[in-house]
Amino acid sequence: MANSKVSESTIAESLKIILVKKKLNIAKLAELMGVSNTTMYSKFNRGNFSIKDLDEISKALNLTYEVTFTINDEE
């Protein structure tokens, strides 16, 4: 499966693409994670995912992800 780059799309958009590829939807993801549909749809609509959310989503969907922070040299 191709990588979805955050720089090219939002996390929510990337997750929606993954859900489609896995023939799932947001409601099914909510069920797999044991949270309400309202909670999950709210997170997708706001694009507000914590690291904990991403950990739980990755486990539910059998994914791996990485977050990289790089300190740029100041001039």
Protein backbone atom coordinates (compact mmCIF):
# COMPACT_ATOMS: atom_id res chain seq x y z
CA MET A 1 0.00 0.00 0.00
CA ALA A 2 1.31 3.45 -0.89
CA ASN A 3 2.24 5.87 1.83
CA SER A 4 -0.01 8.87 2.43
CA LYS A 5 2.12 11.91 3.12
CA VAL A 6 0.88 14.44 5.66
CA SER A 7 2.46 17.24 3.64
CA GLU A 8 0.13 16.38 0.75
CA SER A 9 -3.04 15.79 2.75
CA THR A 10 -4.43 16.06 6.24
CA ILE A 11 -4.35 13.16 8.65
CA ALA A 12 -8.14 12.82 8.35
CA GLU A 13 -7.91 12.68 4.55
CA SER A 14 -5.15 10.07 4.72
CA LEU A 15 -7.18 7.97 7.15
CA LYS A 16 -10.27 8.20 4.92
CA ILE A 17 -8.21 6.88 1.99
CA ILE A 18 -6.98 4.00 4.14
CA LEU A 19 -10.54 3.22 5.26
CA VAL A 20 -11.71 3.07 1.63
CA LYS A 21 -8.81 0.78 0.70
CA LYS A 22 -9.71 -1.49 3.62
CA LYS A 23 -13.42 -1.36 2.64
CA LEU A 24 -14.31 0.25 5.97
CA ASN A 25 -15.95 3.49 7.02
CA ILE A 26 -15.73 5.87 9.95
CA ALA A 27 -18.64 4.17 11.73
CA LYS A 28 -16.91 0.77 11.50
CA LEU A 29 -13.66 2.30 12.77
CA ALA A 30 -15.59 3.73 15.74
CA GLU A 31 -16.99 0.27 16.42
CA LEU A 32 -13.54 -1.36 16.20
CA MET A 33 -12.20 1.21 18.66
CA GLY A 34 -15.15 1.01 21.06
CA VAL A 35 -16.10 4.68 20.75
CA SER A 36 -19.30 6.32 19.60
CA ASN A 37 -19.90 7.27 15.98
CA THR A 38 -20.38 10.86 17.12
CA THR A 39 -16.95 10.93 18.75
CA MET A 40 -15.21 9.48 15.70
CA TYR A 41 -17.03 11.67 13.16
CA SER A 42 -16.19 14.70 15.31
CA LYS A 43 -12.49 13.82 15.27
CA PHE A 44 -12.54 13.41 11.48
CA ASN A 45 -14.50 16.64 10.93
CA ARG A 46 -12.17 18.67 13.15
CA GLY A 47 -9.05 16.79 12.08
CA ASN A 48 -8.22 16.68 15.77
CA PHE A 49 -6.28 13.47 16.46
CA SER A 50 -4.02 13.06 19.47
CA ILE A 51 -1.02 10.74 19.42
CA LYS A 52 -3.10 8.39 21.58
CA ASP A 53 -5.89 8.48 18.97
CA LEU A 54 -3.41 7.64 16.22
CA ASP A 55 -1.98 4.77 18.28
CA GLU A 56 -5.47 3.33 18.81
CA ILE A 57 -6.47 3.84 15.16
CA SER A 58 -3.29 2.19 13.95
CA LYS A 59 -3.94 -0.82 16.19
CA ALA A 60 -7.58 -1.09 15.08
CA LEU A 61 -6.61 -0.92 11.39
CA ASN A 62 -3.36 -2.89 11.67
CA LEU A 63 -1.28 0.08 10.49
CA THR A 64 2.04 1.59 11.36
CA TYR A 65 2.71 5.31 11.36
CA GLU A 66 5.48 7.62 12.37
CA VAL A 67 5.67 11.23 13.46
CA THR A 68 8.90 13.06 12.85
CA PHE A 69 9.94 16.40 14.29
CA THR A 70 13.07 18.01 12.97
CA ILE A 71 14.81 21.03 14.45
CA ASN A 72 15.91 23.30 11.66
CA ASP A 73 19.09 25.26 12.19
CA GLU A 74 18.30 28.87 12.88
CA GLU A 75 20.22 31.44 10.91
